[in-house]
């Protein structure tokens, strides 16, 4: 065959792939907006993705499971899901397609396969929507708002109804709030619309009213005046950290539950996927989502502890600078944090090493920890240096983490990277709180000391963990298949 004919054949194949991807995107959208069924590809979001994004995710999926997953297979499986009568659900089409390849001789066609795999979906309880209020509208608050509004769908899970801020709320303030939500220097443009309604003192996000409420203290608010009932209050301010202070939210009329987006004292500190099922939301009203670093390292530590056993270790986190540091040298209550954040690597403390024990008590007293703040605005790296009980190897450790990333309770939490060129900017926008860098793993000659590198988007990945925990607390988790 001539070079030109080969080239023409390649062009035709690529055109067919892209055409199939357009069809796939339509099915994904129809399932989401018509049936509240969310499709993901090995935990990667598919909603609001373009053709190139979808094809690139399929390439990654094929490399990850070491078995090609084509867009044509995904279209076939997605269409079968669409043709089934299913309740609201979150389904990993990558896992389904992979299993379809493995089990294709056991099923006559895609419909028979999908029907068998998802037969338990109809047994799930009906989900009642939950009103959500964001108390504070900083970095995490705005990212949580973006995700909640992007994935509202038919509104049968979490419904963002209001944001509470300090100070007056006039047209100027509303415009500034809207602008910060629309545009983000790290995470780019919001994939939706944001308008201002001065009369309502609200932002209109994707056509939906979100009230901006001014309050100096939580107990002063009557949420029912805004039609908000039995709400989950997500506190992003960091001003209230213990049970007594956070109880003040429950004094507000219309509030029912509180979720703190920071480590808390005297309340459950939860890393979703690791210990959330130990706390019953019917019995507990106040929760903490711990810290971004704790959410990054705890899932990986659990995988290592369960598989190899950890004797002791040290955590060093190379962390993006945060808003509590100074732009230029100035006074600060903590040592070194007063030096210019954009110009210096700054050694400081982190409580993440001790905080792990709140989610995994087996780590009590086993970890020391420290942090280095570095001149990047987002994207961090945790380095775990661990002595383990069972002898292992680089391949052994990587096999363990790959298994946990593919199946089990931590598939949402651990993303397994096979990228030789991975750098911090590459992980910005990852919904997983922990990105395991398989190419950087080090194991000592005796197999008893391992060094693991875990990347994390300390803003976006953590925000997703907050939302996952919020769904658990609000009891709006759908049927899932990962």
Protein backbone atom coordinates (compact mmCIF):
# COMPACT_ATOMS: atom_id res chain seq x y z
CA UNK A 1 0.00 0.00 0.00
CA UNK A 2 1.38 3.43 -0.94
CA UNK A 3 2.17 6.11 1.61
CA UNK A 4 -0.73 8.22 0.32
CA UNK A 5 -3.24 5.39 0.68
CA UNK A 6 -2.03 4.69 4.22
CA UNK A 7 -2.38 8.37 5.01
CA UNK A 8 -5.91 8.51 3.56
CA UNK A 9 -6.83 5.46 5.60
CA UNK A 10 -5.49 7.12 8.75
CA UNK A 11 -7.49 10.26 8.01
CA UNK A 12 -10.68 8.26 7.55
CA UNK A 13 -10.12 6.40 10.81
CA UNK A 14 -9.51 9.60 12.75
CA UNK A 15 -12.65 11.16 11.27
CA UNK A 16 -14.67 8.12 12.35
CA UNK A 17 -13.18 8.27 15.85
CA UNK A 18 -14.06 11.92 16.24
CA UNK A 19 -17.55 11.38 14.86
CA UNK A 20 -18.07 8.54 17.34
CA UNK A 21 -16.82 10.81 20.11
CA UNK A 22 -19.43 13.44 19.22
CA UNK A 23 -22.06 10.72 19.52
CA UNK A 24 -20.58 9.64 22.85
CA UNK A 25 -20.68 13.21 24.20
CA UNK A 26 -24.37 13.45 23.28
CA UNK A 27 -25.16 10.19 25.09
CA UNK A 28 -23.21 11.37 28.17
CA UNK A 29 -25.19 14.63 28.18
CA UNK A 30 -28.54 12.91 27.63
CA UNK A 31 -27.91 10.49 30.47
CA UNK A 32 -26.92 13.31 32.81
CA UNK A 33 -29.68 15.82 32.04
CA UNK A 34 -32.50 13.36 31.35
CA UNK A 35 -31.79 10.56 33.83
CA UNK A 36 -29.26 12.01 36.32
CA UNK A 37 -26.83 9.25 35.37
CA UNK A 38 -23.23 10.47 35.45
CA UNK A 39 -20.62 8.64 33.39
CA UNK A 40 -16.92 8.87 34.25
CA UNK A 41 -13.87 7.22 32.69
CA UNK A 42 -11.63 5.74 35.38
CA UNK A 43 -12.85 8.52 37.71
CA UNK A 44 -12.17 11.25 35.13
CA UNK A 45 -15.13 13.55 34.54
CA UNK A 46 -16.81 13.37 31.12
CA UNK A 47 -19.43 16.09 31.44
CA UNK A 48 -18.54 19.30 29.58
CA UNK A 49 -15.53 17.66 27.90
CA UNK A 50 -14.68 18.26 24.24
CA UNK A 51 -13.76 15.69 21.57
CA UNK A 52 -10.01 15.90 22.12
CA UNK A 53 -10.41 15.59 25.91
CA UNK A 54 -12.48 12.43 25.51
CA UNK A 55 -10.02 10.82 23.08
CA UNK A 56 -7.06 11.67 25.32
CA UNK A 57 -8.83 10.10 28.30
CA UNK A 58 -9.35 6.93 26.28
CA UNK A 59 -5.64 6.85 25.45
CA UNK A 60 -4.80 7.16 29.15
CA UNK A 61 -7.33 4.47 30.05
CA UNK A 62 -5.82 2.06 27.53
CA UNK A 63 -2.32 2.59 28.92
CA UNK A 64 -3.55 2.38 32.52
CA UNK A 65 -5.28 -1.01 32.24
CA UNK A 66 -2.89 -2.16 29.51
CA UNK A 67 -5.76 -3.13 27.25
CA UNK A 68 -6.98 -0.78 24.51
CA UNK A 69 -10.34 0.87 25.26
CA UNK A 70 -11.71 2.44 22.10
CA UNK A 71 -14.30 5.17 21.77
CA UNK A 72 -16.38 2.78 19.65
CA UNK A 73 -16.62 0.37 22.62
CA UNK A 74 -17.56 3.25 24.92
CA UNK A 75 -20.36 4.33 22.56
CA UNK A 76 -21.75 0.78 22.55
CA UNK A 77 -21.71 0.50 26.34
CA UNK A 78 -23.05 4.04 26.86
CA UNK A 79 -25.94 3.38 24.46
CA UNK A 80 -26.80 0.20 26.34
CA UNK A 81 -26.85 2.16 29.62
CA UNK A 82 -29.11 4.77 28.01
CA UNK A 83 -31.53 2.09 26.82
CA UNK A 84 -31.85 0.60 30.30
CA UNK A 85 -34.34 1.83 32.89
CA UNK A 86 -31.92 2.90 35.64
CA UNK A 87 -32.24 5.24 38.65
CA UNK A 88 -29.81 8.16 39.17
CA UNK A 89 -26.29 6.71 39.28
CA UNK A 90 -22.58 7.34 38.81
CA UNK A 91 -21.00 4.76 36.53
CA UNK A 92 -17.41 4.24 35.42
CA UNK A 93 -17.70 3.41 31.75
CA UNK A 94 -13.96 2.71 31.62
CA UNK A 95 -14.32 -0.10 34.16
CA UNK A 96 -17.44 -1.39 32.42
CA UNK A 97 -15.78 -1.41 28.99
CA UNK A 98 -12.67 -3.09 30.38
CA UNK A 99 -14.77 -5.81 32.02
CA UNK A 100 -16.80 -6.22 28.83
CA UNK A 101 -13.57 -7.10 27.00
CA UNK A 102 -12.63 -9.60 29.69
CA UNK A 103 -16.06 -11.22 29.83
CA UNK A 104 -17.28 -10.86 26.24
CA UNK A 105 -17.75 -14.62 25.88
CA UNK A 106 -20.10 -14.72 28.87
CA UNK A 107 -22.63 -12.25 27.43
CA UNK A 108 -24.41 -12.19 24.11
CA UNK A 109 -24.18 -8.44 23.61
CA UNK A 110 -23.52 -5.14 25.36
CA UNK A 111 -27.10 -4.84 26.62
CA UNK A 112 -26.97 -8.26 28.30
CA UNK A 113 -23.60 -7.39 29.87
CA UNK A 114 -24.71 -4.00 31.21
CA UNK A 115 -28.02 -5.40 32.50
CA UNK A 116 -26.14 -8.02 34.49
CA UNK A 117 -23.51 -5.63 35.88
CA UNK A 118 -26.02 -2.99 36.95
CA UNK A 119 -28.78 -5.27 38.18
CA UNK A 120 -28.48 -3.96 41.74
CA UNK A 121 -29.07 -0.35 40.72
CA UNK A 122 -32.83 -0.58 41.14
CA UNK A 123 -32.43 -1.71 44.74
CA UNK A 124 -31.05 1.67 45.83
CA UNK A 125 -33.17 4.01 47.93
CA UNK A 126 -34.67 7.16 46.44
CA UNK A 127 -32.46 10.21 46.96
CA UNK A 128 -33.98 13.38 48.43
CA UNK A 129 -32.24 16.64 47.37
CA UNK A 130 -30.36 18.60 50.03
CA UNK A 131 -30.02 22.39 50.29
CA UNK A 132 -26.43 23.59 50.70
CA UNK A 133 -25.11 26.88 52.08
CA UNK A 134 -21.48 27.93 51.66
CA UNK A 135 -20.35 29.88 54.72
CA UNK A 136 -17.40 31.78 53.29
CA UNK A 137 -16.48 32.29 49.65
CA UNK A 138 -12.70 32.02 49.41
CA UNK A 139 -10.56 29.63 47.36
CA UNK A 140 -12.27 26.41 48.48
CA UNK A 141 -15.73 27.97 48.69
CA UNK A 142 -15.63 29.18 45.09
CA UNK A 143 -14.29 25.87 43.75
CA UNK A 144 -16.98 23.94 45.63
CA UNK A 145 -19.55 26.36 44.19
CA UNK A 146 -18.20 25.81 40.68
CA UNK A 147 -18.42 22.03 41.01
CA UNK A 148 -21.85 22.03 42.63
CA UNK A 149 -23.29 24.30 39.93
CA UNK A 150 -21.56 22.53 37.02
CA UNK A 151 -22.94 19.18 38.17
CA UNK A 152 -26.36 20.24 39.39
CA UNK A 153 -28.08 18.41 36.52
CA UNK A 154 -31.72 17.96 37.49
CA UNK A 155 -30.94 19.07 41.04
CA UNK A 156 -31.68 15.78 42.77
CA UNK A 157 -28.53 15.76 44.93
CA UNK A 158 -26.89 18.86 46.41
CA UNK A 159 -28.52 22.22 45.68
CA UNK A 160 -26.43 25.32 46.30
CA UNK A 161 -28.93 27.86 47.65
CA UNK A 162 -26.86 30.55 49.35
CA UNK A 163 -23.43 31.92 50.20
CA UNK A 164 -22.75 33.75 53.47
CA UNK A 165 -20.15 36.53 53.56
CA UNK A 166 -19.23 39.40 55.88
CA UNK A 167 -19.82 43.06 55.12
CA UNK A 168 -22.39 44.84 53.01
CA UNK A 169 -23.76 43.26 49.84
CA UNK A 170 -24.29 45.92 47.17
CA UNK A 171 -23.99 45.93 43.39
CA UNK A 172 -20.25 46.51 43.51
CA UNK A 173 -19.66 43.61 45.91
CA UNK A 174 -21.91 41.30 43.91
CA UNK A 175 -20.05 42.12 40.70
CA UNK A 176 -16.72 41.37 42.39
CA UNK A 177 -18.02 38.07 43.76
CA UNK A 178 -19.34 37.17 40.31
CA UNK A 179 -16.03 38.07 38.66
CA UNK A 180 -14.02 35.90 41.06
CA UNK A 181 -16.35 32.99 40.37
CA UNK A 182 -16.21 33.45 36.58
CA UNK A 183 -12.43 33.75 36.28
CA UNK A 184 -9.68 32.05 38.22
CA UNK A 185 -5.96 32.59 37.65
CA UNK A 186 -5.21 28.94 38.42
CA UNK A 187 -8.28 27.02 37.30
CA UNK A 188 -9.34 29.13 34.34
CA UNK A 189 -12.81 30.20 33.27
CA UNK A 190 -15.94 28.78 34.88
CA UNK A 191 -17.74 26.58 32.37
CA UNK A 192 -21.06 28.25 32.98
CA UNK A 193 -22.78 31.61 33.32
CA UNK A 194 -22.72 34.01 36.26
CA UNK A 195 -24.96 37.08 36.42
CA UNK A 196 -25.83 39.54 39.20
CA UNK A 197 -29.32 40.23 40.55
CA UNK A 198 -29.04 43.32 42.75
CA UNK A 199 -32.70 43.30 43.75
CA UNK A 200 -32.48 39.74 45.08
CA UNK A 201 -28.95 40.30 46.41
CA UNK A 202 -27.97 37.15 44.56
CA UNK A 203 -25.79 35.60 41.91
CA UNK A 204 -27.60 33.86 39.08
CA UNK A 205 -25.37 30.87 38.33
CA UNK A 206 -26.32 28.82 35.29
CA UNK A 207 -29.76 30.41 35.52
CA UNK A 208 -30.25 29.42 39.17
CA UNK A 209 -30.53 31.88 42.08
CA UNK A 210 -27.85 31.68 44.76
CA UNK A 211 -28.48 34.23 47.52
CA UNK A 212 -25.55 36.22 48.93
CA UNK A 213 -26.27 36.69 52.63
CA UNK A 214 -24.36 39.13 54.81
CA UNK A 215 -23.85 38.06 58.43
CA UNK A 216 -21.34 38.69 61.19
CA UNK A 217 -22.20 35.53 63.10
CA UNK A 218 -23.95 32.30 62.06
CA UNK A 219 -26.72 32.33 64.67
CA UNK A 220 -28.09 35.61 63.28
CA UNK A 221 -29.26 34.03 60.02
CA UNK A 222 -32.74 32.73 59.23
CA UNK A 223 -32.25 30.59 56.14
CA UNK A 224 -35.94 29.81 55.90
CA UNK A 225 -36.51 33.41 54.75
CA UNK A 226 -34.82 32.33 51.53
CA UNK A 227 -36.79 29.10 51.20
CA UNK A 228 -33.87 27.07 52.56
CA UNK A 229 -34.73 24.17 54.85
CA UNK A 230 -32.75 21.43 56.61
CA UNK A 231 -29.55 22.74 55.02
CA UNK A 232 -25.99 21.48 55.09
CA UNK A 233 -23.71 24.39 56.01
CA UNK A 234 -20.23 24.05 54.51
CA UNK A 235 -17.95 26.31 56.56
CA UNK A 236 -14.98 27.50 54.48
CA UNK A 237 -13.92 30.38 56.71
CA UNK A 238 -11.63 28.52 59.12
CA UNK A 239 -12.87 30.89 61.83
CA UNK A 240 -14.72 28.12 63.69
CA UNK A 241 -12.62 25.02 64.35
CA UNK A 242 -14.04 23.19 67.40
CA UNK A 243 -17.39 21.64 68.24
CA UNK A 244 -18.56 24.50 70.46
CA UNK A 245 -17.89 27.13 67.81
CA UNK A 246 -19.33 25.09 64.95
CA UNK A 247 -22.51 24.42 66.92
CA UNK A 248 -23.35 28.08 66.39
CA UNK A 249 -24.26 27.23 62.80
CA UNK A 250 -26.97 24.87 64.06
CA UNK A 251 -28.61 27.77 65.93
CA UNK A 252 -29.53 29.31 62.59
CA UNK A 253 -33.08 28.56 61.51
CA UNK A 254 -33.05 26.19 58.52
CA UNK A 255 -29.62 24.67 59.26
CA UNK A 256 -29.30 20.95 60.00
CA UNK A 257 -25.70 19.80 59.45
CA UNK A 258 -22.24 21.41 59.40
CA UNK A 259 -19.17 20.43 57.38
CA UNK A 260 -15.87 22.19 58.13
CA UNK A 261 -13.35 22.39 55.28
CA UNK A 262 -10.36 22.30 57.62
CA UNK A 263 -9.09 20.07 60.44
CA UNK A 264 -11.43 20.25 63.43
CA UNK A 265 -11.10 19.69 67.18
CA UNK A 266 -13.50 17.47 69.06
CA UNK A 267 -15.37 16.45 65.90
CA UNK A 268 -14.93 13.60 63.40
CA UNK A 269 -12.06 14.34 60.99
CA UNK A 270 -12.95 12.41 57.87
CA UNK A 271 -11.07 11.42 54.74
CA UNK A 272 -13.80 10.26 52.41
CA UNK A 273 -13.12 6.74 51.19
CA UNK A 274 -11.06 5.89 54.27
CA UNK A 275 -13.20 6.38 57.37
CA UNK A 276 -16.45 8.10 56.39
CA UNK A 277 -18.60 5.00 56.98
CA UNK A 278 -17.55 4.97 60.65
CA UNK A 279 -19.78 8.00 61.29
CA UNK A 280 -23.54 7.88 60.87
CA UNK A 281 -24.98 11.18 59.59
CA UNK A 282 -28.28 10.29 61.27
CA UNK A 283 -26.48 10.51 64.64
CA UNK A 284 -23.84 13.21 64.06
CA UNK A 285 -24.39 16.80 62.98
CA UNK A 286 -20.88 18.29 62.75
CA UNK A 287 -18.08 16.95 60.56
CA UNK A 288 -14.60 17.96 59.39
CA UNK A 289 -13.14 17.16 55.97
CA UNK A 290 -9.60 17.36 57.45
CA UNK A 291 -6.89 19.06 55.34
CA UNK A 292 -5.83 18.78 51.71
CA UNK A 293 -2.56 17.08 52.68
CA UNK A 294 -4.30 14.62 55.00
CA UNK A 295 -6.68 13.73 52.16
CA UNK A 296 -3.72 13.22 49.83
CA UNK A 297 -1.63 10.90 51.98
CA UNK A 298 -4.19 8.94 54.02
CA UNK A 299 -5.61 6.84 51.12
CA UNK A 300 -2.07 5.85 50.04
CA UNK A 301 -1.03 5.11 53.62
CA UNK A 302 -4.07 2.88 54.06
CA UNK A 303 -3.16 0.93 50.93
CA UNK A 304 0.42 0.46 52.16
CA UNK A 305 -0.62 -0.39 55.73
CA UNK A 306 -3.18 -2.97 54.60
CA UNK A 307 -0.73 -4.59 52.16
CA UNK A 308 2.72 -4.27 53.76
CA UNK A 309 2.31 -2.84 57.25
CA UNK A 310 4.00 0.42 58.26
CA UNK A 311 6.52 0.50 61.13
CA UNK A 312 7.09 4.26 61.07
CA UNK A 313 7.83 7.03 58.58
CA UNK A 314 8.22 10.68 57.72
CA UNK A 315 6.07 12.97 55.58
CA UNK A 316 7.56 15.96 53.79
CA UNK A 317 5.07 18.01 51.84
CA UNK A 318 6.24 20.39 49.12
CA UNK A 319 3.23 22.66 49.25
CA UNK A 320 2.06 25.53 47.06
CA UNK A 321 2.01 28.86 48.86
CA UNK A 322 -1.29 29.87 50.41
CA UNK A 323 -3.14 33.05 51.23
CA UNK A 324 -1.93 33.05 54.84
CA UNK A 325 1.61 33.89 53.65
CA UNK A 326 2.84 37.35 52.73
CA UNK A 327 3.40 38.53 49.16
CA UNK A 328 6.32 40.64 50.38
CA UNK A 329 8.36 40.42 53.58
CA UNK A 330 6.22 41.56 56.48
CA UNK A 331 5.19 40.66 60.02
CA UNK A 332 3.53 37.26 60.48
CA UNK A 333 2.47 35.40 63.59
CA UNK A 334 4.43 32.32 62.48
CA UNK A 335 8.13 32.08 61.83
CA UNK A 336 9.28 32.25 58.16
CA UNK A 337 5.74 32.67 56.74
CA UNK A 338 6.31 36.42 56.82
CA UNK A 339 8.85 36.13 54.00
CA UNK A 340 7.75 36.74 50.40
CA UNK A 341 5.83 33.66 49.26
CA UNK A 342 6.57 34.11 45.56
CA UNK A 343 10.33 34.36 46.06
CA UNK A 344 11.20 31.79 48.71
CA UNK A 345 10.99 28.16 49.69
CA UNK A 346 9.66 28.37 53.24
CA UNK A 347 10.03 25.62 55.82
CA UNK A 348 7.00 25.46 58.08
CA UNK A 349 5.03 22.95 60.09
CA UNK A 350 2.14 20.69 59.01
CA UNK A 351 -0.20 18.75 61.24
CA UNK A 352 -0.94 16.21 58.53
CA UNK A 353 1.34 13.55 60.00
CA UNK A 354 -0.56 13.53 63.29
CA UNK A 355 -3.91 14.11 61.58
CA UNK A 356 -3.65 10.81 59.71
CA UNK A 357 -4.19 9.01 63.01
CA UNK A 358 -7.63 10.61 63.33
CA UNK A 359 -8.71 8.75 60.21
CA UNK A 360 -6.43 5.72 60.67
CA UNK A 361 -5.74 5.15 64.40
CA UNK A 362 -3.11 2.51 63.55
CA UNK A 363 -0.80 5.42 62.60
CA UNK A 364 -0.87 6.98 66.07
CA UNK A 365 2.72 8.04 66.82
CA UNK A 366 4.12 6.50 63.63
CA UNK A 367 4.61 9.59 61.43
CA UNK A 368 6.67 12.73 61.73
CA UNK A 369 5.98 15.55 59.30
CA UNK A 370 7.11 18.89 58.00
CA UNK A 371 6.26 21.20 55.10
CA UNK A 372 8.07 23.38 52.59
CA UNK A 373 5.96 26.11 50.98
CA UNK A 374 7.24 26.80 47.46
CA UNK A 375 6.64 29.57 44.87
CA UNK A 376 3.79 27.97 42.92
CA UNK A 377 0.14 29.03 43.43
CA UNK A 378 -1.31 25.51 43.34
CA UNK A 379 -0.25 21.90 42.96
CA UNK A 380 1.60 20.17 45.79
CA UNK A 381 3.70 17.06 46.41
CA UNK A 382 3.81 14.78 49.45
CA UNK A 383 6.87 12.58 49.92
CA UNK A 384 6.38 9.57 52.18
CA UNK A 385 9.48 7.83 53.53
CA UNK A 386 8.24 4.63 55.18
CA UNK A 387 9.73 1.61 56.86
CA UNK A 388 7.45 -1.35 56.12
CA UNK A 389 7.06 -4.72 57.81
CA UNK A 390 6.97 -6.90 54.69
CA UNK A 391 9.78 -6.93 52.15
CA UNK A 392 8.81 -5.47 48.79
CA UNK A 393 10.12 -3.99 45.53
CA UNK A 394 9.32 -1.09 43.21
CA UNK A 395 7.11 -3.36 41.11
CA UNK A 396 5.51 -4.74 44.26
CA UNK A 397 4.61 -1.31 45.63
CA UNK A 398 3.36 -0.09 42.24
CA UNK A 399 1.20 -3.20 41.83
CA UNK A 400 -0.40 -2.55 45.21
CA UNK A 401 -1.24 1.08 44.43
CA UNK A 402 -2.44 0.24 40.93
CA UNK A 403 -4.84 -2.34 42.37
CA UNK A 404 -6.24 0.20 44.83
CA UNK A 405 -6.61 2.76 42.03
CA UNK A 406 -8.54 0.26 39.90
CA UNK A 407 -10.86 -1.37 42.39
CA UNK A 408 -12.13 -1.16 45.95
CA UNK A 409 -13.09 1.69 48.26
CA UNK A 410 -10.33 4.12 47.24
CA UNK A 411 -10.79 4.36 43.48
CA UNK A 412 -12.05 7.94 43.76
CA UNK A 413 -9.15 8.88 46.00
CA UNK A 414 -6.08 7.40 44.28
CA UNK A 415 -5.12 8.18 40.70
CA UNK A 416 -2.23 6.11 39.34
CA UNK A 417 0.12 8.08 37.11
CA UNK A 418 2.24 6.39 34.45
CA UNK A 419 3.62 9.66 33.08
CA UNK A 420 7.41 9.93 32.91
CA UNK A 421 7.14 13.71 32.43
CA UNK A 422 4.70 14.53 35.25
CA UNK A 423 5.19 17.96 36.88
CA UNK A 424 3.10 20.01 39.28
CA UNK A 425 1.12 21.97 36.67
CA UNK A 426 -0.05 18.69 35.09
CA UNK A 427 -2.06 17.67 38.13
CA UNK A 428 -4.03 20.92 38.43
CA UNK A 429 -7.69 20.09 37.87
CA UNK A 430 -7.46 16.49 39.06
CA UNK A 431 -10.52 15.38 41.02
CA UNK A 432 -8.53 12.72 42.90
CA UNK A 433 -6.97 13.97 46.15
CA UNK A 434 -3.92 11.74 45.59
CA UNK A 435 -2.02 11.22 42.32
CA UNK A 436 0.47 8.41 42.85
CA UNK A 437 3.65 8.94 40.80
CA UNK A 438 4.55 5.35 39.91
CA UNK A 439 7.66 6.42 37.98
CA UNK A 440 9.28 7.98 41.06
CA UNK A 441 8.91 5.15 43.58
CA UNK A 442 12.11 4.17 45.41
CA UNK A 443 12.66 0.96 47.41
CA UNK A 444 15.80 0.17 49.43
CA UNK A 445 17.93 -2.87 48.63
CA UNK A 446 16.56 -4.80 51.60
CA UNK A 447 12.98 -4.04 50.49
CA UNK A 448 12.02 -2.59 53.86
CA UNK A 449 12.22 1.14 53.16
CA UNK A 450 10.01 2.76 50.53
CA UNK A 451 9.76 6.34 49.30
CA UNK A 452 6.52 7.36 47.62
CA UNK A 453 5.68 10.57 45.75
CA UNK A 454 2.05 11.70 45.86
CA UNK A 455 0.97 14.77 43.93
CA UNK A 456 -2.21 16.64 44.79
CA UNK A 457 -4.16 19.64 43.63
CA UNK A 458 -4.47 21.14 47.09
CA UNK A 459 -7.50 23.17 45.96
CA UNK A 460 -9.45 21.23 43.34
CA UNK A 461 -8.75 17.68 44.51
CA UNK A 462 -9.59 18.65 48.07
CA UNK A 463 -12.81 20.40 46.95
CA UNK A 464 -13.94 17.13 45.38
CA UNK A 465 -13.31 15.31 48.65
CA UNK A 466 -15.42 17.94 50.40
CA UNK A 467 -18.26 17.34 47.95
CA UNK A 468 -17.98 13.56 48.28
CA UNK A 469 -18.23 13.87 52.05
CA UNK A 470 -21.07 16.39 51.72
CA UNK A 471 -23.04 13.88 49.64
CA UNK A 472 -22.49 11.22 52.29
CA UNK A 473 -23.58 13.54 55.11
CA UNK A 474 -26.61 14.70 53.11
CA UNK A 475 -27.46 11.08 52.19
CA UNK A 476 -27.65 11.88 48.48
CA UNK A 477 -25.05 9.37 47.27
CA UNK A 478 -26.40 7.57 44.22
CA UNK A 479 -25.82 4.01 43.06
CA UNK A 480 -22.22 3.80 41.92
CA UNK A 481 -20.25 1.36 39.82
CA UNK A 482 -16.50 1.89 39.82
